[in-house]
Amino acid sequence: MEVKLYVGNMTFDTTAEQLQTLFAEAGAVVAVDVIKDRDTGTSKGFAFITMGSQADAAKAISMFDGKELGGRALKVNTAKPREERPGGGGGRSFNRSNDRNRGGGGKNSRY
Protein backbone atom coordinates (compact mmCIF):
# COMPACT_ATOMS: atom_id res chain seq x y z
CA MET A 1 0.00 0.00 0.00
CA GLU A 2 1.31 3.44 -0.95
CA VAL A 3 2.05 5.93 1.82
CA LYS A 4 2.27 9.71 1.42
CA LEU A 5 4.97 11.56 3.35
CA TYR A 6 5.20 15.24 4.22
CA VAL A 7 8.66 16.77 3.73
CA GLY A 8 9.08 20.22 5.23
CA ASN A 9 11.75 22.82 6.00
CA MET A 10 13.18 22.54 2.50
CA THR A 11 15.12 25.31 0.82
CA PHE A 12 13.04 27.09 -1.80
CA ASP A 13 15.27 25.82 -4.58
CA THR A 14 14.99 22.10 -3.71
CA THR A 15 13.76 20.27 -6.82
CA ALA A 16 11.51 17.27 -7.31
CA GLU A 17 14.44 15.51 -9.00
CA GLN A 18 16.65 15.99 -5.92
CA LEU A 19 13.93 14.59 -3.67
CA GLN A 20 13.29 11.68 -6.05
CA THR A 21 16.98 10.72 -5.99
CA LEU A 22 17.30 11.12 -2.23
CA PHE A 23 14.17 9.21 -1.24
CA ALA A 24 14.88 6.41 -3.73
CA GLU A 25 17.66 5.42 -1.31
CA ALA A 26 14.90 4.33 1.09
CA GLY A 27 12.74 2.46 -1.44
CA ALA A 28 10.26 2.84 -4.26
CA VAL A 29 9.20 6.44 -4.89
CA VAL A 30 5.82 6.62 -6.65
CA ALA A 31 5.42 10.41 -6.86
CA VAL A 32 7.07 13.66 -5.76
CA ASP A 33 5.01 16.85 -5.50
CA VAL A 34 6.89 20.02 -4.57
CA ILE A 35 4.21 22.49 -3.48
CA LYS A 36 4.42 25.84 -5.26
CA ASP A 37 2.76 29.21 -4.80
CA ARG A 38 -0.02 29.45 -7.37
CA ASP A 39 0.71 33.10 -8.14
CA THR A 40 4.51 33.14 -8.34
CA GLY A 41 5.29 29.50 -9.13
CA THR A 42 8.02 29.44 -6.48
CA SER A 43 8.35 26.62 -3.97
CA LYS A 44 6.63 26.99 -0.62
CA GLY A 45 9.38 24.97 1.07
CA PHE A 46 7.55 21.68 1.43
CA ALA A 47 6.61 18.64 -0.61
CA PHE A 48 4.65 15.41 -0.55
CA ILE A 49 6.35 12.18 -1.52
CA THR A 50 4.41 8.98 -2.13
CA MET A 51 6.38 5.88 -1.22
CA GLY A 52 5.55 2.42 -2.59
CA SER A 53 4.96 0.69 0.75
CA GLN A 54 4.61 1.23 4.47
CA ALA A 55 8.08 -0.27 4.97
CA ASP A 56 9.64 2.12 2.44
CA ALA A 57 7.88 5.07 4.10
CA ALA A 58 9.07 4.05 7.57
CA LYS A 59 12.62 3.66 6.27
CA ALA A 60 12.47 7.09 4.58
CA ILE A 61 11.28 8.74 7.79
CA SER A 62 14.05 7.15 9.84
CA MET A 63 16.71 7.99 7.21
CA PHE A 64 15.71 11.55 6.32
CA ASP A 65 13.87 13.17 9.26
CA GLY A 66 16.45 15.68 10.50
CA LYS A 67 18.82 15.06 7.56
CA GLU A 68 20.44 18.23 6.31
CA LEU A 69 19.71 19.18 2.71
CA GLY A 70 20.85 22.55 1.39
CA GLY A 71 21.82 23.70 4.88
CA ARG A 72 18.41 22.93 6.42
CA ALA A 73 17.27 19.96 8.51
CA LEU A 74 14.38 18.25 6.73
CA LYS A 75 11.19 17.44 8.61
CA VAL A 76 9.77 14.13 7.35
CA ASN A 77 6.65 12.42 8.65
CA THR A 78 3.50 10.67 7.47
CA ALA A 79 1.23 13.17 5.73
CA LYS A 80 -2.02 14.00 7.48
CA PRO A 81 -5.27 14.38 5.55
CA ARG A 82 -5.98 17.94 4.48
CA GLU A 83 -8.28 19.75 6.88
CA GLU A 84 -11.37 21.41 5.51
CA ARG A 85 -11.10 25.17 5.48
CA PRO A 86 -14.05 27.51 5.40
CA GLY A 87 -14.96 28.54 1.89
CA GLY A 88 -15.46 31.95 0.46
CA GLY A 89 -13.02 34.15 -1.32
CA GLY A 90 -11.21 37.21 -0.19
CA GLY A 91 -12.61 40.23 -1.83
CA ARG A 92 -13.91 43.44 -0.44
CA SER A 93 -15.89 43.63 2.74
CA PHE A 94 -19.13 45.54 2.46
CA ASN A 95 -19.47 46.11 6.16
CA ARG A 96 -20.13 49.84 6.57
CA SER A 97 -18.22 50.00 9.85
CA ASN A 98 -15.08 49.08 7.93
CA ASP A 99 -15.74 51.84 5.38
CA ARG A 100 -15.89 54.69 7.91
CA ASN A 101 -12.14 54.85 8.33
CA ARG A 102 -11.36 54.92 4.63
CA GLY A 103 -12.00 58.58 4.03
CA GLY A 104 -13.63 59.20 0.71
CA GLY A 105 -15.86 61.88 2.10
CA GLY A 106 -19.46 62.03 1.99
CA LYS A 107 -22.84 60.93 2.85
CA ASN A 108 -22.74 59.05 6.11
CA SER A 109 -19.52 60.32 7.64
CA ARG A 110 -19.96 61.64 11.13
CA TYR A 111 -16.51 63.17 11.52
C-alpha atoms as a PDB file:
ATOM      1  CA  MET A   1       0.000   0.000   0.000  1.00  0.00           C
ATOM      2  CA  GLU A   2       1.308   3.438  -0.946  1.00  0.00           C
ATOM      3  CA  VAL A   3       2.049   5.931   1.821  1.00  0.00           C
ATOM      4  CA  LYS A   4       2.273   9.708   1.419  1.00  0.00           C
ATOM      5  CA  LEU A   5       4.966  11.558   3.349  1.00  0.00           C
ATOM      6  CA  TYR A   6       5.202  15.238   4.218  1.00  0.00           C
ATOM      7  CA  VAL A   7       8.662  16.767   3.735  1.00  0.00           C
ATOM      8  CA  GLY A   8       9.083  20.224   5.235  1.00  0.00           C
ATOM      9  CA  ASN A   9      11.751  22.820   6.004  1.00  0.00           C
ATOM     10  CA  MET A  10      13.182  22.545   2.496  1.00  0.00           C
ATOM     11  CA  THR A  11      15.124  25.314   0.818  1.00  0.00           C
ATOM     12  CA  PHE A  12      13.035  27.091  -1.803  1.00  0.00           C
ATOM     13  CA  ASP A  13      15.273  25.818  -4.582  1.00  0.00           C
ATOM     14  CA  THR A  14      14.991  22.099  -3.710  1.00  0.00           C
ATOM     15  CA  THR A  15      13.764  20.266  -6.820  1.00  0.00           C
ATOM     16  CA  ALA A  16      11.512  17.266  -7.311  1.00  0.00           C
ATOM     17  CA  GLU A  17      14.441  15.509  -8.999  1.00  0.00           C
ATOM     18  CA  GLN A  18      16.652  15.987  -5.916  1.00  0.00           C
ATOM     19  CA  LEU A  19      13.929  14.586  -3.670  1.00  0.00           C
ATOM     20  CA  GLN A  20      13.290  11.678  -6.054  1.00  0.00           C
ATOM     21  CA  THR A  21      16.983  10.721  -5.991  1.00  0.00           C
ATOM     22  CA  LEU A  22      17.304  11.121  -2.228  1.00  0.00           C
ATOM     23  CA  PHE A  23      14.165   9.214  -1.239  1.00  0.00           C
ATOM     24  CA  ALA A  24      14.884   6.407  -3.730  1.00  0.00           C
ATOM     25  CA  GLU A  25      17.660   5.420  -1.307  1.00  0.00           C
ATOM     26  CA  ALA A  26      14.895   4.332   1.089  1.00  0.00           C
ATOM     27  CA  GLY A  27      12.742   2.458  -1.440  1.00  0.00           C
ATOM     28  CA  ALA A  28      10.263   2.841  -4.260  1.00  0.00           C
ATOM     29  CA  VAL A  29       9.202   6.445  -4.895  1.00  0.00           C
ATOM     30  CA  VAL A  30       5.820   6.615  -6.648  1.00  0.00           C
ATOM     31  CA  ALA A  31       5.416  10.407  -6.861  1.00  0.00           C
ATOM     32  CA  VAL A  32       7.074  13.659  -5.763  1.00  0.00           C
ATOM     33  CA  ASP A  33       5.011  16.845  -5.502  1.00  0.00           C
ATOM     34  CA  VAL A  34       6.887  20.021  -4.573  1.00  0.00           C
ATOM     35  CA  ILE A  35       4.212  22.493  -3.479  1.00  0.00           C
ATOM     36  CA  LYS A  36       4.419  25.844  -5.255  1.00  0.00           C
ATOM     37  CA  ASP A  37       2.756  29.210  -4.802  1.00  0.00           C
ATOM     38  CA  ARG A  38      -0.015  29.454  -7.372  1.00  0.00           C
ATOM     39  CA  ASP A  39       0.712  33.104  -8.143  1.00  0.00           C
ATOM     40  CA  THR A  40       4.506  33.144  -8.339  1.00  0.00           C
ATOM     41  CA  GLY A  41       5.295  29.500  -9.128  1.00  0.00           C
ATOM     42  CA  THR A  42       8.023  29.437  -6.477  1.00  0.00           C
ATOM     43  CA  SER A  43       8.346  26.619  -3.971  1.00  0.00           C
ATOM     44  CA  LYS A  44       6.632  26.993  -0.616  1.00  0.00           C
ATOM     45  CA  GLY A  45       9.382  24.969   1.069  1.00  0.00           C
ATOM     46  CA  PHE A  46       7.548  21.678   1.435  1.00  0.00           C
ATOM     47  CA  ALA A  47       6.609  18.638  -0.609  1.00  0.00           C
ATOM     48  CA  PHE A  48       4.647  15.412  -0.547  1.00  0.00           C
ATOM     49  CA  ILE A  49       6.349  12.180  -1.520  1.00  0.00           C
ATOM     50  CA  THR A  50       4.408   8.984  -2.131  1.00  0.00           C
ATOM     51  CA  MET A  51       6.382   5.879  -1.218  1.00  0.00           C
ATOM     52  CA  GLY A  52       5.545   2.418  -2.587  1.00  0.00           C
ATOM     53  CA  SER A  53       4.955   0.688   0.747  1.00  0.00           C
ATOM     54  CA  GLN A  54       4.613   1.233   4.473  1.00  0.00           C
ATOM     55  CA  ALA A  55       8.082  -0.274   4.966  1.00  0.00           C
ATOM     56  CA  ASP A  56       9.643   2.124   2.438  1.00  0.00           C
ATOM     57  CA  ALA A  57       7.885   5.068   4.098  1.00  0.00           C
ATOM     58  CA  ALA A  58       9.072   4.052   7.572  1.00  0.00           C
ATOM     59  CA  LYS A  59      12.622   3.663   6.267  1.00  0.00           C
ATOM     60  CA  ALA A  60      12.474   7.088   4.576  1.00  0.00           C
ATOM     61  CA  ILE A  61      11.276   8.739   7.788  1.00  0.00           C
ATOM     62  CA  SER A  62      14.051   7.148   9.840  1.00  0.00           C
ATOM     63  CA  MET A  63      16.708   7.991   7.213  1.00  0.00           C
ATOM     64  CA  PHE A  64      15.706  11.548   6.324  1.00  0.00           C
ATOM     65  CA  ASP A  65      13.873  13.166   9.255  1.00  0.00           C
ATOM     66  CA  GLY A  66      16.448  15.684  10.497  1.00  0.00           C
ATOM     67  CA  LYS A  67      18.818  15.061   7.564  1.00  0.00           C
ATOM     68  CA  GLU A  68      20.444  18.231   6.308  1.00  0.00           C
ATOM     69  CA  LEU A  69      19.711  19.180   2.709  1.00  0.00           C
ATOM     70  CA  GLY A  70      20.848  22.547   1.385  1.00  0.00           C
ATOM     71  CA  GLY A  71      21.817  23.704   4.884  1.00  0.00           C
ATOM     72  CA  ARG A  72      18.414  22.931   6.418  1.00  0.00           C
ATOM     73  CA  ALA A  73      17.272  19.965   8.509  1.00  0.00           C
ATOM     74  CA  LEU A  74      14.380  18.249   6.733  1.00  0.00           C
ATOM     75  CA  LYS A  75      11.191  17.442   8.608  1.00  0.00           C
ATOM     76  CA  VAL A  76       9.768  14.132   7.347  1.00  0.00           C
ATOM     77  CA  ASN A  77       6.646  12.416   8.645  1.00  0.00           C
ATOM     78  CA  THR A  78       3.504  10.673   7.474  1.00  0.00           C
ATOM     79  CA  ALA A  79       1.232  13.169   5.727  1.00  0.00           C
ATOM     80  CA  LYS A  80      -2.017  13.999   7.478  1.00  0.00           C
ATOM     81  CA  PRO A  81      -5.273  14.385   5.551  1.00  0.00           C
ATOM     82  CA  ARG A  82      -5.976  17.939   4.478  1.00  0.00           C
ATOM     83  CA  GLU A  83      -8.276  19.747   6.882  1.00  0.00           C
ATOM     84  CA  GLU A  84     -11.370  21.411   5.506  1.00  0.00           C
ATOM     85  CA  ARG A  85     -11.098  25.170   5.476  1.00  0.00           C
ATOM     86  CA  PRO A  86     -14.050  27.506   5.403  1.00  0.00           C
ATOM     87  CA  GLY A  87     -14.963  28.538   1.890  1.00  0.00           C
ATOM     88  CA  GLY A  88     -15.458  31.950   0.455  1.00  0.00           C
ATOM     89  CA  GLY A  89     -13.025  34.147  -1.324  1.00  0.00           C
ATOM     90  CA  GLY A  90     -11.207  37.206  -0.190  1.00  0.00           C
ATOM     91  CA  GLY A  91     -12.611  40.235  -1.833  1.00  0.00           C
ATOM     92  CA  ARG A  92     -13.908  43.443  -0.439  1.00  0.00           C
ATOM     93  CA  SER A  93     -15.894  43.625   2.737  1.00  0.00           C
ATOM     94  CA  PHE A  94     -19.134  45.538   2.458  1.00  0.00           C
ATOM     95  CA  ASN A  95     -19.472  46.112   6.163  1.00  0.00           C
ATOM     96  CA  ARG A  96     -20.131  49.840   6.571  1.00  0.00           C
ATOM     97  CA  SER A  97     -18.225  50.005   9.852  1.00  0.00           C
ATOM     98  CA  ASN A  98     -15.084  49.079   7.926  1.00  0.00           C
ATOM     99  CA  ASP A  99     -15.738  51.836   5.380  1.00  0.00           C
ATOM    100  CA  ARG A 100     -15.888  54.686   7.911  1.00  0.00           C
ATOM    101  CA  ASN A 101     -12.136  54.851   8.325  1.00  0.00           C
ATOM    102  CA  ARG A 102     -11.355  54.924   4.630  1.00  0.00           C
ATOM    103  CA  GLY A 103     -12.003  58.581   4.025  1.00  0.00           C
ATOM    104  CA  GLY A 104     -13.631  59.197   0.707  1.00  0.00           C
ATOM    105  CA  GLY A 105     -15.862  61.879   2.098  1.00  0.00           C
ATOM    106  CA  GLY A 106     -19.465  62.028   1.988  1.00  0.00           C
ATOM    107  CA  LYS A 107     -22.841  60.929   2.854  1.00  0.00           C
ATOM    108  CA  ASN A 108     -22.740  59.055   6.114  1.00  0.00           C
ATOM    109  CA  SER A 109     -19.515  60.317   7.641  1.00  0.00           C
ATOM    110  CA  ARG A 110     -19.957  61.640  11.129  1.00  0.00           C
ATOM    111  CA  TYR A 111     -16.511  63.168  11.519  1.00  0.00           C
END
